Amino acid sequence: SKSMTDYSRPLILNSISWWINNASDRYIVTWMCGVAINGVYSIAYKIPSIVEVFQSIFLQAWQISAVTSFNDKDREKFFSRIYTTYNLLMVLLCSAIIIMVKFIARIMFAYKFYEAWVFVPILLLANVFGAMSGLIGGVFSAAKDTKIYSYSTTIGAIVNIILNIILIKFVGVIGAAIATAISYFVVWFFRIVNAKKYITLKINIKRDLVVYFILVLQAVLMINIASIKVYILQLILFISIIILYYKEINGLLKGLWRYVSTKLTMIGDKS
């Protein structure tokens, strides 16, 4: 039917644009810096890719929940709670991996590719914005507005290509990772602004932006400071994130404890 065609057509552009966002940096690095350097850069994707596996599983389930819950009376509360919790988990995971990135790289990367760790912190930032963009995308899917869905990704893809060419020329291969992070941020920002047409997310956007800045700071410090002092600074920044999200973390832990207690009680009753 025509409505199905109108719904599906923008999704083709969306898929192509996401592919550009995910892969264009590696093609441009090969073009501008050579195959050998791209090999090192590509290795850096191994760590964010592991996180993406769990994200994709969650987002597939979320798409279904978003559609089925879109017409509920308490949908704003539900959507806001999911967004806040998912954002919290992604931020904490990103922050923790940045702190441990050198240790993880020693385990996961071959010795000659160890230097690839330097790209990982910035690619993890891109990973956070990609995850949050995917979550908000569920709102547009539920509202059957795939045009905004695809427009945001297309804008991100254009920004990605332009920034890749400019930044790689001026700051080297690290520019490719920066371009990817900025383009994912653009997609997230475009979607969070346009989501207001369909739903009012009760989130503390100013605090989230402060936390994202802390993640950027973590990445910059980890890349630029080689001494042991960097871990003291990283710990301070990680604790800062926990303080800023204390209420949400406390609520999440209480909910988890209630769930575990209920399960244990049920097991006890059966026995």
Protein backbone atom coordinates (compact mmCIF):
# COMPACT_ATOMS: atom_id res chain seq x y z
CA SER A 1 0.00 0.00 0.00
CA LYS A 2 0.98 3.65 -0.42
CA SER A 3 1.23 4.26 3.34
CA MET A 4 3.63 1.34 3.71
CA THR A 5 5.73 2.63 0.79
CA ASP A 6 5.81 6.16 2.29
CA TYR A 7 6.86 4.65 5.63
CA SER A 8 9.55 2.39 4.16
CA ARG A 9 11.18 4.66 1.56
CA PRO A 10 12.97 6.98 4.06
CA LEU A 11 14.30 3.91 5.89
CA ILE A 12 16.41 3.04 2.82
CA LEU A 13 18.08 6.46 3.04
CA ASN A 14 18.44 5.96 6.80
CA SER A 15 20.23 2.62 6.33
CA ILE A 16 22.61 4.06 3.71
CA SER A 17 23.35 7.10 5.91
CA TRP A 18 24.06 4.91 8.98
CA TRP A 19 26.42 2.85 6.86
CA ILE A 20 28.22 6.06 5.82
CA ASN A 21 28.39 7.16 9.47
CA ASN A 22 29.85 3.79 10.46
CA ALA A 23 32.26 3.20 7.59
CA SER A 24 33.17 6.46 5.81
CA ASP A 25 35.97 7.32 8.25
CA ARG A 26 37.83 4.09 7.43
CA TYR A 27 37.53 4.64 3.68
CA ILE A 28 38.71 8.24 3.97
CA VAL A 29 41.61 7.22 6.26
CA THR A 30 42.67 4.66 3.61
CA TRP A 31 42.40 7.31 0.90
CA MET A 32 44.29 10.02 2.80
CA CYS A 33 46.71 8.03 5.00
CA GLY A 34 47.10 4.60 3.44
CA VAL A 35 46.00 1.03 4.06
CA ALA A 36 48.51 0.33 6.87
CA ILE A 37 47.32 3.23 9.04
CA ASN A 38 43.69 2.32 8.35
CA GLY A 39 44.48 -1.21 9.59
CA VAL A 40 45.55 0.21 12.95
CA TYR A 41 42.55 2.57 13.07
CA SER A 42 40.09 -0.25 12.22
CA ILE A 43 41.41 -2.37 15.10
CA ALA A 44 40.26 0.38 17.50
CA TYR A 45 36.65 -0.44 16.55
CA LYS A 46 36.89 -3.87 18.21
CA ILE A 47 36.11 -2.48 21.68
CA PRO A 48 33.13 -0.23 20.73
CA SER A 49 31.81 -3.09 18.55
CA ILE A 50 31.43 -5.34 21.61
CA VAL A 51 29.31 -2.65 23.29
CA GLU A 52 27.27 -2.24 20.08
CA VAL A 53 26.24 -5.91 20.17
CA PHE A 54 24.43 -5.38 23.49
CA GLN A 55 23.03 -2.04 22.28
CA SER A 56 21.54 -3.62 19.15
CA ILE A 57 19.84 -6.36 21.20
CA PHE A 58 18.31 -3.75 23.52
CA LEU A 59 17.26 -1.41 20.70
CA GLN A 60 15.47 -4.19 18.80
CA ALA A 61 13.40 -4.93 21.90
CA TRP A 62 12.92 -1.19 22.50
CA GLN A 63 11.49 -0.60 19.00
CA ILE A 64 8.68 -3.05 19.79
CA SER A 65 8.03 -1.55 23.25
CA ALA A 66 8.03 1.99 21.83
CA VAL A 67 5.35 1.13 19.25
CA THR A 68 3.13 -0.83 21.68
CA SER A 69 3.40 1.83 24.44
CA PHE A 70 3.10 4.92 22.22
CA ASN A 71 -0.63 5.42 22.81
CA ASP A 72 -0.57 4.70 26.56
CA LYS A 73 -1.57 7.47 28.98
CA ASP A 74 1.68 7.25 30.93
CA ARG A 75 3.90 6.97 27.82
CA GLU A 76 5.90 10.12 28.67
CA LYS A 77 6.83 8.71 32.06
CA PHE A 78 7.71 5.34 30.51
CA PHE A 79 9.77 6.80 27.64
CA SER A 80 11.55 9.23 29.99
CA ARG A 81 12.43 6.47 32.46
CA ILE A 82 13.83 4.21 29.72
CA TYR A 83 15.81 7.10 28.18
CA THR A 84 17.29 8.16 31.55
CA THR A 85 18.22 4.61 32.56
CA TYR A 86 19.73 3.72 29.17
CA ASN A 87 21.69 6.99 29.05
CA LEU A 88 22.99 6.36 32.58
CA LEU A 89 24.18 2.83 31.71
CA MET A 90 25.83 3.95 28.45
CA VAL A 91 27.62 6.86 30.15
CA LEU A 92 28.90 4.74 33.05
CA LEU A 93 30.03 1.99 30.67
CA CYS A 94 31.81 4.49 28.39
CA SER A 95 33.48 6.20 31.37
CA ALA A 96 34.65 2.89 32.88
CA ILE A 97 36.04 1.58 29.56
CA ILE A 98 37.94 4.84 28.95
CA ILE A 99 39.64 4.38 32.34
CA MET A 100 40.54 0.75 31.56
CA VAL A 101 41.19 1.19 27.82
CA LYS A 102 44.95 0.52 27.94
CA PHE A 103 44.46 -2.69 29.93
CA ILE A 104 41.66 -3.90 27.64
CA ALA A 105 43.78 -3.07 24.56
CA ARG A 106 46.67 -5.17 25.89
CA ILE A 107 44.33 -8.15 26.11
CA MET A 108 42.35 -7.63 22.88
CA PHE A 109 44.89 -6.16 20.46
CA ALA A 110 47.98 -7.82 19.03
CA TYR A 111 51.21 -6.15 20.22
CA LYS A 112 51.86 -4.34 16.92
CA PHE A 113 48.33 -2.89 17.00
CA TYR A 114 48.41 -1.79 20.65
CA GLU A 115 48.74 1.87 19.65
CA ALA A 116 45.18 1.66 18.26
CA TRP A 117 43.89 2.19 21.84
CA VAL A 118 44.37 5.94 21.36
CA PHE A 119 41.32 6.08 19.04
CA VAL A 120 39.04 4.06 21.34
CA PRO A 121 38.01 6.77 23.89
CA ILE A 122 36.64 9.05 21.15
CA LEU A 123 34.95 6.17 19.32
CA LEU A 124 33.27 5.27 22.63
CA LEU A 125 31.83 8.81 22.76
CA ALA A 126 30.40 8.24 19.29
CA ASN A 127 29.02 4.95 20.61
CA VAL A 128 27.10 6.73 23.41
CA PHE A 129 25.48 9.22 21.00
CA GLY A 130 24.74 6.41 18.54
CA ALA A 131 22.98 4.46 21.30
CA MET A 132 20.90 7.45 22.39
CA SER A 133 20.06 8.31 18.76
CA GLY A 134 18.80 4.76 18.27
CA LEU A 135 16.64 5.02 21.38
CA ILE A 136 15.01 8.29 20.27
CA GLY A 137 14.57 6.75 16.83
CA GLY A 138 12.02 4.46 18.49
CA VAL A 139 9.79 7.50 19.06
CA PHE A 140 9.78 8.33 15.33
CA SER A 141 9.13 4.69 14.42
CA ALA A 142 6.16 4.62 16.79
CA ALA A 143 4.87 7.92 15.39
CA LYS A 144 5.37 6.54 11.84
CA ASP A 145 7.53 9.57 10.99
CA THR A 146 10.46 7.91 9.26
CA LYS A 147 11.31 11.14 7.38
CA ILE A 148 12.81 12.83 10.47
CA TYR A 149 14.39 9.47 11.30
CA SER A 150 16.26 9.43 7.98
CA TYR A 151 16.88 13.20 7.67
CA SER A 152 18.79 13.22 10.97
CA THR A 153 21.00 10.31 9.88
CA THR A 154 21.60 11.89 6.45
CA ILE A 155 22.68 15.19 8.03
CA GLY A 156 25.01 13.21 10.30
CA ALA A 157 26.49 11.36 7.29
CA ILE A 158 27.17 14.63 5.42
CA VAL A 159 28.79 16.16 8.52
CA ASN A 160 30.84 12.96 8.94
CA ILE A 161 32.29 13.05 5.41
CA ILE A 162 33.08 16.79 5.49
CA LEU A 163 34.70 16.68 8.94
CA ASN A 164 36.65 13.51 8.10
CA ILE A 165 38.34 15.22 5.14
CA ILE A 166 39.03 18.45 7.08
CA LEU A 167 40.14 16.95 10.41
CA ILE A 168 42.31 14.14 9.01
CA LYS A 169 44.15 16.75 6.93
CA PHE A 170 44.86 18.97 9.96
CA VAL A 171 45.14 16.64 13.00
CA GLY A 172 45.81 13.24 11.44
CA VAL A 173 43.97 9.92 11.88
CA ILE A 174 42.54 10.91 15.29
CA GLY A 175 40.49 13.42 13.26
CA ALA A 176 38.51 10.49 11.81
CA ALA A 177 37.41 9.41 15.30
CA ILE A 178 36.56 13.03 16.23
CA ALA A 179 34.51 13.42 13.03
CA THR A 180 32.58 10.23 13.83
CA ALA A 181 31.83 11.39 17.41
CA ILE A 182 30.67 14.84 16.24
CA SER A 183 28.46 13.39 13.48
CA TYR A 184 26.78 11.01 15.97
CA PHE A 185 26.27 13.95 18.34
CA VAL A 186 24.60 15.87 15.49
CA VAL A 187 22.21 12.95 14.83
CA TRP A 188 21.36 12.70 18.55
CA PHE A 189 20.83 16.47 18.88
CA PHE A 190 18.64 16.65 15.77
CA ARG A 191 16.49 13.77 17.02
CA ILE A 192 16.16 14.99 20.62
CA VAL A 193 14.96 18.40 19.35
CA ASN A 194 12.47 16.92 16.86
CA ALA A 195 11.17 14.28 19.31
CA LYS A 196 9.34 17.14 21.10
CA LYS A 197 6.77 17.06 18.28
CA TYR A 198 5.53 13.70 19.56
CA ILE A 199 6.56 13.35 23.19
CA THR A 200 7.85 15.43 26.08
CA LEU A 201 10.81 13.60 27.54
CA LYS A 202 11.24 14.56 31.18
CA ILE A 203 15.02 14.50 31.18
CA ASN A 204 17.67 16.83 32.60
CA ILE A 205 19.32 17.75 29.30
CA LYS A 206 21.65 20.35 30.84
CA ARG A 207 23.04 17.81 33.29
CA ASP A 208 23.40 15.25 30.49
CA LEU A 209 25.43 17.76 28.44
CA VAL A 210 27.69 18.39 31.45
CA VAL A 211 28.23 14.63 31.79
CA TYR A 212 28.99 14.32 28.05
CA PHE A 213 31.57 17.08 28.51
CA ILE A 214 33.11 15.08 31.36
CA LEU A 215 33.36 12.07 29.01
CA VAL A 216 35.10 14.27 26.42
CA LEU A 217 37.48 15.44 29.17
CA GLN A 218 38.16 11.84 30.15
CA ALA A 219 38.98 10.96 26.54
CA VAL A 220 41.27 13.97 26.05
CA LEU A 221 43.15 13.35 29.33
CA MET A 222 43.59 9.63 28.65
CA ILE A 223 44.99 10.30 25.17
CA ASN A 224 47.30 13.17 26.17
CA ILE A 225 48.65 12.25 29.64
CA ALA A 226 50.97 9.25 29.79
CA SER A 227 51.81 9.33 33.52
CA ILE A 228 50.03 7.53 36.38
CA LYS A 229 48.47 10.89 37.36
CA VAL A 230 45.90 10.42 34.61
CA TYR A 231 44.19 7.66 36.63
CA ILE A 232 43.71 9.97 39.63
CA LEU A 233 42.06 12.53 37.33
CA GLN A 234 39.98 9.78 35.68
CA LEU A 235 38.76 8.57 39.06
CA ILE A 236 37.75 12.11 40.07
CA LEU A 237 35.80 12.51 36.82
CA PHE A 238 34.13 9.09 37.19
CA ILE A 239 33.05 9.96 40.76
CA SER A 240 31.73 13.31 39.42
CA ILE A 241 29.47 11.41 37.02
CA ILE A 242 28.22 9.18 39.85
CA ILE A 243 27.44 12.26 41.98
CA LEU A 244 25.57 13.94 39.11
CA TYR A 245 23.53 10.78 38.51
CA TYR A 246 23.27 9.77 42.18
CA LYS A 247 19.45 9.90 42.29
CA GLU A 248 19.10 7.72 39.16
CA ILE A 249 21.78 5.25 40.29
CA ASN A 250 20.12 4.96 43.71
CA GLY A 251 16.72 4.35 42.08
CA LEU A 252 18.18 1.77 39.72
CA LEU A 253 19.91 -0.13 42.55
CA LYS A 254 16.72 -0.10 44.65
CA GLY A 255 14.70 -1.41 41.70
CA LEU A 256 17.29 -4.12 41.08
CA TRP A 257 17.25 -5.11 44.76
CA ARG A 258 13.43 -5.32 44.75
CA TYR A 259 13.55 -7.52 41.65
CA VAL A 260 16.18 -9.87 43.16
CA SER A 261 14.30 -10.00 46.49
CA THR A 262 11.04 -10.90 44.71
CA LYS A 263 12.75 -13.66 42.72
CA LEU A 264 14.43 -15.07 45.84
CA THR A 265 11.08 -15.02 47.69
CA MET A 266 9.39 -16.88 44.80
CA ILE A 267 12.16 -19.51 44.80
CA GLY A 268 11.81 -19.85 48.60
CA ASP A 269 8.02 -20.29 48.34
CA LYS A 270 8.38 -23.01 45.66
CA SER A 271 10.88 -24.94 47.73
